[in-house]
N, C-alpha and C. Protein backbone atom coordinates (compact mmCIF):
# COMPACT_ATOMS: atom_id res chain seq x y z
N MET A 1 -50.34 -34.64 -12.99
CA MET A 1 -49.65 -33.79 -11.67
C MET A 1 -48.93 -34.72 -10.90
N GLY A 2 -49.69 -35.93 -10.80
CA GLY A 2 -48.85 -36.82 -9.65
C GLY A 2 -47.40 -37.26 -10.06
N ALA A 3 -47.36 -37.33 -11.57
CA ALA A 3 -46.15 -37.94 -11.98
C ALA A 3 -44.86 -36.76 -11.66
N ALA A 4 -44.99 -35.56 -11.59
CA ALA A 4 -44.35 -34.35 -11.44
C ALA A 4 -43.88 -34.62 -9.73
N LEU A 5 -44.71 -34.92 -8.97
CA LEU A 5 -44.33 -34.94 -7.43
C LEU A 5 -43.69 -36.50 -6.99
N HIS A 6 -43.50 -37.23 -7.83
CA HIS A 6 -43.15 -38.69 -7.49
C HIS A 6 -41.50 -38.47 -7.18
N SER A 7 -41.04 -39.05 -6.36
CA SER A 7 -39.71 -38.99 -5.88
C SER A 7 -38.59 -39.75 -6.69
N ILE A 8 -37.51 -39.59 -6.77
CA ILE A 8 -36.58 -40.54 -7.48
C ILE A 8 -35.83 -41.34 -6.45
N ASP A 9 -35.77 -42.45 -6.73
CA ASP A 9 -35.07 -43.57 -5.78
C ASP A 9 -33.64 -43.08 -5.91
N SER A 10 -33.17 -42.96 -4.67
CA SER A 10 -31.74 -42.61 -4.74
C SER A 10 -30.59 -43.48 -5.15
N ASN A 11 -31.02 -44.67 -5.17
CA ASN A 11 -30.43 -45.82 -5.58
C ASN A 11 -30.62 -46.11 -7.01
N HIS A 12 -31.29 -45.57 -7.93
CA HIS A 12 -31.82 -45.22 -9.21
C HIS A 12 -30.34 -45.02 -9.98
N PRO A 13 -30.03 -45.77 -10.88
CA PRO A 13 -28.70 -45.54 -11.63
C PRO A 13 -28.55 -44.26 -12.21
N GLN A 14 -29.78 -43.43 -12.97
CA GLN A 14 -29.80 -42.19 -13.34
C GLN A 14 -29.32 -41.09 -11.96
N ALA A 15 -30.20 -41.46 -11.07
CA ALA A 15 -29.92 -40.37 -9.66
C ALA A 15 -28.51 -40.47 -9.30
N VAL A 16 -28.03 -41.75 -9.29
CA VAL A 16 -26.52 -41.85 -8.89
C VAL A 16 -25.56 -40.97 -9.82
N GLN A 17 -25.85 -41.36 -11.09
CA GLN A 17 -25.00 -40.50 -12.19
C GLN A 17 -25.13 -39.19 -12.08
N ALA A 18 -26.33 -38.62 -11.89
CA ALA A 18 -26.58 -37.22 -11.71
C ALA A 18 -26.03 -36.52 -10.42
N ASP A 19 -25.88 -37.41 -9.45
CA ASP A 19 -25.13 -36.93 -8.38
C ASP A 19 -23.64 -36.83 -8.45
N ARG A 20 -23.19 -37.88 -9.30
CA ARG A 20 -21.81 -37.98 -9.62
C ARG A 20 -21.39 -36.63 -10.41
N ARG A 21 -22.36 -36.25 -11.45
CA ARG A 21 -22.12 -35.17 -12.34
C ARG A 21 -21.96 -33.84 -11.38
N ASP A 22 -22.84 -33.69 -10.53
CA ASP A 22 -23.02 -32.46 -9.67
C ASP A 22 -21.88 -32.43 -8.84
N THR A 23 -21.48 -33.39 -8.27
CA THR A 23 -20.22 -33.47 -7.40
C THR A 23 -19.13 -32.99 -8.27
N SER A 24 -18.89 -33.80 -9.59
CA SER A 24 -17.70 -33.20 -10.13
C SER A 24 -17.74 -31.85 -10.87
N ASN A 25 -19.13 -31.22 -11.24
CA ASN A 25 -19.13 -29.96 -11.61
C ASN A 25 -18.77 -28.80 -10.41
N ILE A 26 -19.12 -29.27 -9.20
CA ILE A 26 -18.85 -28.50 -8.11
C ILE A 26 -17.23 -28.29 -7.84
N ALA A 27 -16.60 -29.69 -7.79
CA ALA A 27 -15.26 -29.90 -7.76
C ALA A 27 -14.55 -28.98 -8.76
N ALA A 28 -15.03 -29.24 -9.89
CA ALA A 28 -14.56 -28.28 -11.04
C ALA A 28 -14.57 -26.80 -10.93
N PHE A 29 -15.51 -26.45 -10.23
CA PHE A 29 -15.84 -24.91 -9.98
C PHE A 29 -14.98 -24.49 -8.76
N GLU A 30 -14.81 -25.47 -7.92
CA GLU A 30 -14.11 -25.28 -6.68
C GLU A 30 -12.50 -25.15 -6.81
N ARG A 31 -12.08 -25.96 -7.51
CA ARG A 31 -10.59 -25.96 -7.72
C ARG A 31 -10.13 -24.66 -8.44
N PRO A 32 -10.77 -24.01 -9.53
CA PRO A 32 -10.28 -23.10 -9.92
C PRO A 32 -10.38 -21.65 -9.05
N ALA A 33 -11.62 -21.81 -8.16
CA ALA A 33 -11.85 -20.61 -7.39
C ALA A 33 -10.84 -20.81 -6.35
N GLU A 34 -10.31 -21.95 -5.67
CA GLU A 34 -9.59 -21.97 -4.54
C GLU A 34 -7.97 -21.51 -5.06
N ALA A 35 -7.96 -22.06 -6.45
CA ALA A 35 -6.73 -21.28 -6.99
C ALA A 35 -6.67 -19.96 -7.05
N MET A 36 -7.88 -19.19 -7.46
CA MET A 36 -7.90 -18.03 -7.39
C MET A 36 -7.73 -17.12 -6.23
N LEU A 37 -8.24 -18.05 -5.13
CA LEU A 37 -8.18 -17.38 -3.80
C LEU A 37 -6.85 -17.39 -3.44
N ALA A 38 -6.07 -18.44 -3.65
CA ALA A 38 -4.81 -18.73 -3.15
C ALA A 38 -3.90 -17.41 -4.03
N ARG A 39 -4.19 -17.48 -5.16
CA ARG A 39 -3.40 -16.42 -5.96
C ARG A 39 -3.56 -14.85 -5.35
N ALA A 40 -4.87 -14.71 -5.13
CA ALA A 40 -5.32 -13.24 -4.44
C ALA A 40 -4.69 -13.06 -3.07
N ALA A 41 -4.73 -14.12 -2.37
CA ALA A 41 -4.01 -13.93 -1.00
C ALA A 41 -2.39 -13.80 -1.28
N GLY A 42 -1.92 -14.36 -2.01
CA GLY A 42 -0.46 -14.26 -2.23
C GLY A 42 -0.24 -12.69 -2.87
N GLN A 43 -1.15 -12.23 -3.63
CA GLN A 43 -0.95 -10.76 -4.16
C GLN A 43 -1.28 -10.09 -3.11
N ILE A 44 -2.12 -10.17 -2.36
CA ILE A 44 -2.45 -9.29 -1.09
C ILE A 44 -1.23 -9.21 -0.25
N ALA A 45 -0.71 -10.40 0.10
CA ALA A 45 0.38 -10.30 0.97
C ALA A 45 1.71 -9.71 0.31
N HIS A 46 1.78 -9.76 -0.95
CA HIS A 46 3.07 -8.98 -1.57
C HIS A 46 2.61 -7.54 -1.63
N LEU A 47 1.64 -6.99 -1.82
CA LEU A 47 1.12 -5.55 -1.89
C LEU A 47 1.21 -5.10 -0.42
N GLU A 48 0.69 -5.79 0.58
CA GLU A 48 1.13 -5.35 1.84
C GLU A 48 2.57 -4.94 2.37
N ALA A 49 3.28 -6.07 1.84
CA ALA A 49 4.81 -6.11 2.01
C ALA A 49 5.17 -4.57 1.18
N ALA A 50 4.84 -4.53 0.05
CA ALA A 50 5.15 -3.49 -0.62
C ALA A 50 4.58 -2.06 0.16
N ALA A 51 3.61 -2.02 0.53
CA ALA A 51 3.12 -0.79 1.14
C ALA A 51 3.68 -0.59 2.45
N ALA A 52 4.23 -1.77 3.06
CA ALA A 52 4.94 -1.60 4.45
C ALA A 52 6.38 -0.86 3.86
N HIS A 53 6.69 -1.35 2.81
CA HIS A 53 8.35 -0.84 2.41
C HIS A 53 8.10 0.48 1.94
N LEU A 54 7.18 1.07 1.25
CA LEU A 54 6.85 2.49 0.60
C LEU A 54 6.53 3.03 1.82
N GLU A 55 5.76 2.71 3.00
CA GLU A 55 5.48 3.53 4.12
C GLU A 55 6.92 3.94 5.01
N ALA A 56 7.88 2.81 5.02
CA ALA A 56 8.97 3.11 5.73
C ALA A 56 9.99 4.01 4.80
N GLU A 57 9.96 3.67 3.52
CA GLU A 57 10.72 4.86 2.64
C GLU A 57 10.03 6.30 2.87
N VAL A 58 8.84 6.37 2.90
CA VAL A 58 8.12 7.88 3.10
C VAL A 58 8.93 8.31 4.50
N ARG A 59 8.62 7.38 5.36
CA ARG A 59 9.01 7.94 6.72
C ARG A 59 10.50 8.43 6.73
N LEU A 60 11.49 7.79 5.98
CA LEU A 60 12.75 8.18 5.77
C LEU A 60 12.97 9.47 5.06
N LEU A 61 12.01 9.60 3.93
CA LEU A 61 12.34 11.01 3.24
C LEU A 61 11.67 11.97 3.92
N ARG A 62 10.48 11.62 4.94
CA ARG A 62 10.16 12.87 5.70
C ARG A 62 11.19 13.25 6.92
N GLU A 63 11.83 12.30 7.21
CA GLU A 63 12.86 12.47 8.10
C GLU A 63 14.10 13.33 7.56
N ALA A 64 14.56 13.02 6.16
CA ALA A 64 15.42 13.64 5.62
C ALA A 64 15.08 15.16 5.34
N LEU A 65 14.01 15.35 4.93
CA LEU A 65 13.15 16.46 4.75
C LEU A 65 12.97 17.55 5.72
N ALA A 66 12.87 16.88 6.86
CA ALA A 66 12.81 17.58 8.25
C ALA A 66 14.41 18.28 8.55
N ARG A 67 15.31 17.40 8.23
CA ARG A 67 16.81 17.63 8.53
C ARG A 67 17.16 18.81 7.36
N ALA A 68 16.86 18.67 6.23
CA ALA A 68 17.28 19.50 5.33
C ALA A 68 16.73 20.91 5.63
N GLU A 69 15.10 20.93 5.99
CA GLU A 69 14.47 22.10 6.58
C GLU A 69 15.18 22.79 7.74
N HIS A 70 15.45 22.10 8.58
CA HIS A 70 16.18 22.46 9.75
C HIS A 70 17.67 23.17 9.31
N LYS A 71 18.27 22.58 8.53
CA LYS A 71 19.57 23.15 8.06
C LYS A 71 19.30 24.34 7.24
N ILE A 72 18.57 24.67 6.43
CA ILE A 72 18.20 25.76 5.67
C ILE A 72 17.67 26.65 6.57
N ARG A 73 16.84 26.53 7.46
CA ARG A 73 16.76 27.69 8.65
C ARG A 73 17.98 27.96 9.26
N ARG A 74 18.70 27.19 9.65
CA ARG A 74 20.00 27.51 10.31
C ARG A 74 20.92 28.55 9.57
N GLN A 75 21.09 28.05 8.27
CA GLN A 75 21.73 28.81 7.18
C GLN A 75 21.09 30.03 7.17
N ASP A 76 19.80 30.18 6.74
CA ASP A 76 19.08 31.44 6.76
C ASP A 76 19.51 32.55 7.94
N GLN A 77 19.36 31.90 9.14
CA GLN A 77 19.57 32.60 10.51
C GLN A 77 21.08 33.07 10.31
N LEU A 78 22.13 32.29 9.83
CA LEU A 78 23.36 32.70 9.78
C LEU A 78 23.51 33.76 8.71
N LEU A 79 22.85 33.51 7.58
CA LEU A 79 22.95 34.59 6.52
C LEU A 79 22.48 35.86 7.09
N ARG A 80 21.22 35.89 7.76
CA ARG A 80 20.53 37.31 8.31
C ARG A 80 21.69 37.96 9.35
N ASN A 81 22.28 37.10 10.09
CA ASN A 81 22.96 37.60 10.95
C ASN A 81 24.56 38.18 10.21
N ALA A 82 25.02 37.46 9.26
CA ALA A 82 26.20 38.11 8.46
C ALA A 82 25.89 39.43 7.94
N GLN A 83 24.30 39.40 7.15
CA GLN A 83 24.28 40.58 6.66
C GLN A 83 24.11 41.82 7.77
N LEU A 84 23.41 41.43 8.79
CA LEU A 84 23.28 42.34 9.87
C LEU A 84 24.61 42.97 10.33
N ARG A 85 25.44 41.99 10.58
CA ARG A 85 27.03 42.42 10.78
C ARG A 85 27.62 43.19 9.66
N GLU A 86 27.38 42.93 8.53
CA GLU A 86 27.77 43.70 7.38
C GLU A 86 27.49 44.93 7.42
N THR A 87 26.01 45.15 7.68
CA THR A 87 25.70 46.59 7.71
C THR A 87 26.18 47.38 8.90
N GLU A 88 26.40 46.94 10.14
CA GLU A 88 26.97 47.43 11.16
C GLU A 88 28.40 47.76 10.91
N ILE A 89 29.19 47.05 10.07
CA ILE A 89 30.60 47.30 9.93
C ILE A 89 30.84 48.33 8.77
N ARG A 90 29.84 48.49 7.91
CA ARG A 90 29.68 49.34 6.88
C ARG A 90 29.48 50.76 7.53
N ALA A 91 28.37 50.87 8.37
CA ALA A 91 28.22 52.09 9.31
C ALA A 91 29.29 52.41 10.15
N GLN A 92 30.23 51.53 10.82
CA GLN A 92 31.34 51.84 11.37
C GLN A 92 32.34 52.52 10.86
N ILE A 93 32.48 51.92 9.35
CA ILE A 93 33.44 52.53 8.69
C ILE A 93 33.22 53.86 7.88
N ARG A 94 31.82 54.09 7.70
CA ARG A 94 31.50 55.20 7.20
C ARG A 94 31.82 56.39 8.32
N GLU A 95 31.42 55.85 9.63
CA GLU A 95 31.59 56.93 10.74
C GLU A 95 33.12 57.15 11.09
N MET A 96 33.90 56.19 10.58
CA MET A 96 35.48 56.52 10.87
C MET A 96 36.09 57.58 9.57
N THR A 97 35.41 57.47 8.54
CA THR A 97 35.70 58.06 7.25
C THR A 97 35.15 59.45 7.33
N GLU A 98 34.26 59.81 8.28
CA GLU A 98 33.71 61.12 8.04
C GLU A 98 34.30 62.05 8.88
């Protein structure tokens, strides 16, 4: 039991070598993780820019749709007015021929 509890001298060659291995392992894992985070940050920035572009495009399309709907409503009103006027003229023509 006492052997399991004794401390390792930090100046001991095996302890120094173990520390170096631990540090190199951590660095080896950190580099790919940092690279992945950098790539992810780049992709996020790219996607945010693409989303902003799409939002602007949607806004332009909505404005164009609103203009087209307004134009159609105006043309429908003109058509109804023309049909009403046609009906009135036909009624006048019938009165004149009777």
